[in-house]
Amino acid sequence: MELKELYIVANADKPEALRTLASLKVWCQEHGVEPVPVSDRVPIDVEGGLVLALGGDGTVLRAADLFAETSLPILGVNLGSLGFLTQAPVSELIGALEDILADRFTIEERMRLRYEAGPISGSVLNDLVVTGDRDSRFCELELAWEDGVVTRYPGDGIILATATGSTAYNLAAGGPIVVPPAACILAKPLAPHRLGLRSVIFPPDEEIRLRALSDVILIADGDRVGEGPAGTEIVVTRAEPPTYLVRLSVFPSFFDILERKLNWADSRGRGG
């Protein structure tokens, strides 16, 4: 890759971030790359650009949101524990950048979801959570899709997630793991008050329509983005463009991370 500009989204709360940024600046000078610190949304999409998310999975989500309207690839580098979205540990950052310069990488396309609820709109890489606007979190929702089927969800709400988000809140709530870069919309009810309600995986181009029968709040990739009174209509569809993540073959695969983080059994029978 002919790297011209490196857009850096860093978690300044991480102690190692400042030291890493200093060494990164030196590397950029040596290789004729322009480092561009980013703290707010930037409407750019240039050839030769790369986004570096320096922190953890949360920093990758932030970078993906900042650059949601572009097709710039994102390299996630973790400053802490191994994550599902970060690709390399900080100790291997320079080696990872050298691999990118030498075209020793692939780009993985990750589906995003777009949501609209009246004046509230946006997109997410992981999930949109609709839950009750009260201490108990209880709410009632109706869910409909293209063929007109309507299901009522009484409980703590619903998670609408991508495959990327299947290992986030969905997994903690008992939902299924979907292996990225599979494209789908995963609907996971939260603490449903009906025993028959289970997770449903929809095709990626389905339009999911929610109608709130009580007051609700919307949480997009972990951030509260708004609230809606009873009667609010929420529409969730596939977003364009997708998020593009850099993948380096020398670093852990998705199932390696499952094994390390979740005690998942690997092909040799360890774990469990």
Protein backbone atom coordinates (compact mmCIF):
# COMPACT_ATOMS: atom_id res chain seq x y z
CA MET A 1 0.00 0.00 0.00
CA GLU A 2 1.24 3.48 -0.84
CA LEU A 3 0.54 5.08 2.52
CA LYS A 4 0.28 8.87 2.39
CA GLU A 5 -1.78 9.89 5.41
CA LEU A 6 -2.24 8.14 8.75
CA TYR A 7 -5.33 9.29 10.64
CA ILE A 8 -4.77 8.57 14.32
CA VAL A 9 -7.64 8.03 16.75
CA ALA A 10 -6.05 7.42 20.17
CA ASN A 11 -7.35 6.71 23.64
CA ALA A 12 -5.44 9.35 25.59
CA ASP A 13 -6.50 7.75 28.88
CA LYS A 14 -4.21 4.80 28.20
CA PRO A 15 -0.78 5.42 29.86
CA GLU A 16 1.12 4.04 26.90
CA ALA A 17 -0.65 6.18 24.31
CA LEU A 18 1.63 9.25 24.52
CA ARG A 19 4.84 7.18 24.29
CA THR A 20 3.43 5.30 21.31
CA LEU A 21 2.41 8.50 19.54
CA ALA A 22 5.93 9.90 19.93
CA SER A 23 7.56 6.85 18.32
CA LEU A 24 4.85 6.78 15.66
CA LYS A 25 5.64 10.38 14.69
CA VAL A 26 9.28 9.42 14.12
CA TRP A 27 8.26 6.45 11.97
CA CYS A 28 5.98 8.66 9.86
CA GLN A 29 8.77 11.18 9.27
CA GLU A 30 11.14 8.41 8.16
CA HIS A 31 8.59 7.00 5.68
CA GLY A 32 7.14 10.21 4.28
CA VAL A 33 3.73 9.65 5.85
CA GLU A 34 1.64 12.53 7.16
CA PRO A 35 0.30 11.79 10.68
CA VAL A 36 -3.11 13.38 11.28
CA PRO A 37 -4.47 13.28 14.86
CA VAL A 38 -8.27 13.00 14.81
CA SER A 39 -10.62 13.98 17.62
CA ASP A 40 -13.79 14.82 15.72
CA ARG A 41 -15.64 13.70 12.62
CA VAL A 42 -13.72 14.39 9.40
CA PRO A 43 -15.51 14.09 6.01
CA ILE A 44 -12.56 12.72 4.03
CA ASP A 45 -11.96 9.69 1.86
CA VAL A 46 -8.57 9.86 0.17
CA GLU A 47 -6.44 7.37 -1.69
CA GLY A 48 -3.46 6.32 0.39
CA GLY A 49 -5.20 7.00 3.69
CA LEU A 50 -5.29 4.65 6.68
CA VAL A 51 -7.00 5.03 10.04
CA LEU A 52 -5.04 3.89 13.10
CA ALA A 53 -7.21 3.18 16.17
CA LEU A 54 -4.85 3.15 19.13
CA GLY A 55 -6.44 1.85 22.31
CA GLY A 56 -8.90 -1.05 22.48
CA ASP A 57 -12.12 -2.25 20.90
CA GLY A 58 -13.88 0.90 22.11
CA THR A 59 -11.36 3.03 20.25
CA VAL A 60 -11.96 1.01 17.07
CA LEU A 61 -15.71 1.61 17.46
CA ARG A 62 -15.05 5.32 17.87
CA ALA A 63 -12.82 5.39 14.77
CA ALA A 64 -15.43 3.45 12.81
CA ASP A 65 -18.04 6.04 13.79
CA LEU A 66 -15.81 9.01 12.95
CA PHE A 67 -15.05 7.59 9.50
CA ALA A 68 -18.45 5.94 8.90
CA GLU A 69 -19.05 7.91 5.70
CA THR A 70 -15.69 6.98 4.16
CA SER A 71 -14.10 3.80 2.79
CA LEU A 72 -10.82 4.24 4.66
CA PRO A 73 -9.51 1.00 6.20
CA ILE A 74 -8.97 0.86 9.97
CA LEU A 75 -6.06 -0.81 11.76
CA GLY A 76 -6.86 -1.48 15.42
CA VAL A 77 -3.86 -1.63 17.77
CA ASN A 78 -4.49 -2.55 21.38
CA LEU A 79 -2.83 -0.89 24.35
CA GLY A 80 -4.28 -3.39 26.79
CA SER A 81 -5.87 -6.82 26.63
CA LEU A 82 -6.60 -8.70 23.43
CA GLY A 83 -9.75 -7.52 21.69
CA PHE A 84 -12.06 -8.75 18.94
CA LEU A 85 -11.59 -5.62 16.81
CA THR A 86 -7.98 -4.68 17.49
CA GLN A 87 -5.53 -6.55 15.30
CA ALA A 88 -2.05 -6.10 16.78
CA PRO A 89 -0.52 -5.41 20.20
CA VAL A 90 1.21 -2.05 20.56
CA SER A 91 4.58 -3.80 20.73
CA GLU A 92 4.02 -4.92 17.12
CA LEU A 93 2.72 -1.59 15.78
CA ILE A 94 5.76 -0.68 13.69
CA GLY A 95 5.95 -4.20 12.26
CA ALA A 96 2.26 -4.02 11.37
CA LEU A 97 2.75 -0.72 9.55
CA GLU A 98 5.71 -2.18 7.66
CA ASP A 99 3.51 -5.12 6.62
CA ILE A 100 0.93 -2.68 5.30
CA LEU A 101 3.57 -0.83 3.28
CA ALA A 102 4.64 -4.20 1.85
CA ASP A 103 1.03 -5.18 1.01
CA ARG A 104 1.08 -8.08 3.49
CA PHE A 105 -2.50 -7.59 4.63
CA THR A 106 -6.10 -8.06 3.62
CA ILE A 107 -9.18 -5.86 4.05
CA GLU A 108 -12.21 -7.35 5.78
CA GLU A 109 -15.61 -5.80 5.12
CA ARG A 110 -17.84 -5.44 8.20
CA MET A 111 -21.52 -4.66 7.81
CA ARG A 112 -22.97 -1.65 9.64
CA LEU A 113 -26.57 -0.94 10.67
CA ARG A 114 -28.42 2.31 10.05
CA TYR A 115 -31.18 3.37 12.43
CA GLU A 116 -33.84 6.07 12.16
CA ALA A 117 -36.31 7.07 14.85
CA GLY A 118 -37.89 10.40 13.95
CA PRO A 119 -35.14 13.04 14.28
CA ILE A 120 -32.70 10.46 15.67
CA SER A 121 -30.51 8.71 13.11
CA GLY A 122 -27.06 7.22 12.72
CA SER A 123 -25.21 3.98 12.13
CA VAL A 124 -23.45 1.38 14.26
CA LEU A 125 -20.78 -1.26 13.80
CA ASN A 126 -21.78 -3.37 16.82
CA ASP A 127 -25.38 -2.85 17.88
CA LEU A 128 -28.40 -0.72 18.54
CA VAL A 129 -30.11 -1.38 21.88
CA VAL A 130 -33.70 -0.27 22.49
CA THR A 131 -34.67 -0.49 26.16
CA GLY A 132 -37.06 1.04 28.67
CA ASP A 133 -36.66 4.65 29.78
CA ARG A 134 -37.02 3.87 33.47
CA ASP A 135 -35.04 2.25 36.29
CA SER A 136 -36.62 -1.16 35.68
CA ARG A 137 -35.79 -0.97 31.93
CA PHE A 138 -39.10 -2.75 31.18
CA CYS A 139 -40.71 -1.81 27.89
CA GLU A 140 -42.90 -3.30 25.18
CA LEU A 141 -41.91 -3.36 21.53
CA GLU A 142 -43.49 -4.64 18.34
CA LEU A 143 -41.11 -5.96 15.68
CA ALA A 144 -42.08 -6.31 12.03
CA TRP A 145 -40.19 -7.14 8.86
CA GLU A 146 -40.82 -7.35 5.14
CA ASP A 147 -43.37 -10.16 5.06
CA GLY A 148 -45.55 -8.34 7.57
CA VAL A 149 -45.05 -10.65 10.54
CA VAL A 150 -45.32 -8.80 13.84
CA THR A 151 -43.95 -10.06 17.15
CA ARG A 152 -44.48 -8.35 20.49
CA TYR A 153 -41.50 -8.18 22.84
CA PRO A 154 -42.34 -7.45 26.47
CA GLY A 155 -39.18 -7.33 28.61
CA ASP A 156 -36.06 -5.22 28.96
CA GLY A 157 -35.91 -4.42 25.25
CA ILE A 158 -34.03 -5.75 22.25
CA ILE A 159 -30.52 -5.77 20.78
CA LEU A 160 -30.19 -5.39 17.02
CA ALA A 161 -26.63 -6.42 16.21
CA THR A 162 -24.28 -7.18 13.36
CA ALA A 163 -22.00 -10.22 13.26
CA THR A 164 -19.29 -7.91 14.63
CA GLY A 165 -21.54 -7.03 17.55
CA SER A 166 -22.51 -10.63 18.26
CA THR A 167 -19.53 -10.94 20.64
CA ALA A 168 -20.44 -7.75 22.51
CA TYR A 169 -23.65 -7.10 24.52
CA ASN A 170 -25.48 -9.81 22.57
CA LEU A 171 -23.07 -12.47 23.81
CA ALA A 172 -23.27 -11.24 27.41
CA ALA A 173 -27.07 -11.44 27.13
CA GLY A 174 -26.91 -15.08 26.01
CA GLY A 175 -27.20 -14.53 22.27
CA PRO A 176 -25.46 -16.56 19.54
CA ILE A 177 -22.00 -15.92 18.10
CA VAL A 178 -22.02 -15.03 14.40
CA VAL A 179 -18.63 -15.32 12.71
CA PRO A 180 -17.56 -12.13 10.88
CA PRO A 181 -17.51 -11.06 8.15
CA ALA A 182 -20.93 -12.73 7.80
CA ALA A 183 -23.59 -10.14 6.95
CA CYS A 184 -26.86 -10.31 8.90
CA ILE A 185 -29.09 -8.50 11.38
CA LEU A 186 -29.30 -10.29 14.71
CA ALA A 187 -32.31 -9.57 16.94
CA LYS A 188 -31.78 -10.60 20.58
CA PRO A 189 -34.58 -9.98 23.10
CA LEU A 190 -33.44 -8.78 26.52
CA ALA A 191 -34.97 -10.62 29.49
CA PRO A 192 -38.20 -11.35 27.57
CA HIS A 193 -41.37 -11.95 29.56
CA ARG A 194 -42.45 -14.65 27.10
CA LEU A 195 -40.63 -18.01 27.13
CA GLY A 196 -41.04 -18.56 23.41
CA LEU A 197 -39.09 -15.47 22.36
CA ARG A 198 -35.61 -16.33 21.07
CA SER A 199 -32.89 -14.71 18.99
CA VAL A 200 -33.62 -14.34 15.27
CA ILE A 201 -31.02 -13.82 12.54
CA PHE A 202 -32.34 -11.89 9.54
CA PRO A 203 -30.82 -11.54 6.05
CA PRO A 204 -28.61 -8.44 5.73
CA ASP A 205 -30.93 -6.49 3.44
CA GLU A 206 -34.05 -6.92 5.56
CA GLU A 207 -35.79 -3.83 6.90
CA ILE A 208 -36.54 -4.22 10.60
CA ARG A 209 -39.28 -1.99 12.01
CA LEU A 210 -39.81 -1.50 15.72
CA ARG A 211 -42.75 0.30 17.32
CA ALA A 212 -42.39 1.30 20.94
CA LEU A 213 -45.51 0.63 23.01
CA SER A 214 -43.92 2.41 25.98
CA ASP A 215 -41.21 5.03 26.48
CA VAL A 216 -37.79 3.85 25.28
CA ILE A 217 -34.18 4.96 24.98
CA LEU A 218 -31.78 4.16 22.12
CA ILE A 219 -28.18 3.14 22.77
CA ALA A 220 -25.88 3.01 19.72
CA ASP A 221 -22.57 1.18 20.14
CA GLY A 222 -22.73 1.84 23.87
CA ASP A 223 -23.69 5.53 23.69
CA ARG A 224 -27.15 6.82 24.55
CA VAL A 225 -28.28 8.69 21.43
CA GLY A 226 -31.85 9.61 22.27
CA GLU A 227 -35.23 8.64 23.64
CA GLY A 228 -38.68 8.14 22.24
CA PRO A 229 -42.19 8.16 23.71
CA ALA A 230 -44.69 5.38 23.21
CA GLY A 231 -45.59 5.19 19.54
CA THR A 232 -42.05 5.89 18.30
CA GLU A 233 -41.19 4.02 15.07
CA ILE A 234 -37.61 2.78 14.74
CA VAL A 235 -36.36 1.51 11.36
CA VAL A 236 -33.12 -0.48 11.10
CA THR A 237 -31.49 -1.36 7.78
CA ARG A 238 -28.11 -2.17 6.31
CA ALA A 239 -25.85 0.90 6.21
CA GLU A 240 -23.52 1.93 3.43
CA PRO A 241 -20.61 2.09 3.25
CA PRO A 242 -19.49 -0.78 5.49
CA THR A 243 -16.53 -0.53 7.85
CA TYR A 244 -13.25 -1.86 6.45
CA LEU A 245 -10.84 -3.49 8.92
CA VAL A 246 -7.20 -4.29 8.19
CA ARG A 247 -6.35 -7.95 8.82
CA LEU A 248 -2.76 -9.18 9.19
CA SER A 249 -2.20 -12.93 8.81
CA VAL A 250 0.47 -13.13 11.54
CA PHE A 251 -1.94 -12.04 14.28
CA PRO A 252 -4.70 -14.01 16.07
CA SER A 253 -7.75 -15.20 14.15
CA PHE A 254 -11.34 -14.78 15.33
CA PHE A 255 -11.39 -18.27 16.87
CA ASP A 256 -7.98 -17.74 18.50
CA ILE A 257 -9.48 -14.73 20.26
CA LEU A 258 -12.56 -16.73 21.27
CA GLU A 259 -10.28 -19.31 22.85
CA ARG A 260 -8.16 -16.78 24.70
CA LYS A 261 -10.94 -14.49 25.91
CA LEU A 262 -13.83 -16.91 26.41
CA ASN A 263 -12.12 -20.27 27.08
CA TRP A 264 -13.44 -21.55 23.75
CA ALA A 265 -12.33 -25.07 22.80
CA ASP A 266 -9.84 -25.02 19.91
CA SER A 267 -9.23 -27.68 17.26
CA ARG A 268 -6.94 -29.59 19.61
CA GLY A 269 -9.63 -29.91 22.24
CA ARG A 270 -8.33 -27.36 24.75
CA GLY A 271 -10.68 -25.14 26.65
CA GLY A 272 -14.26 -25.81 27.59
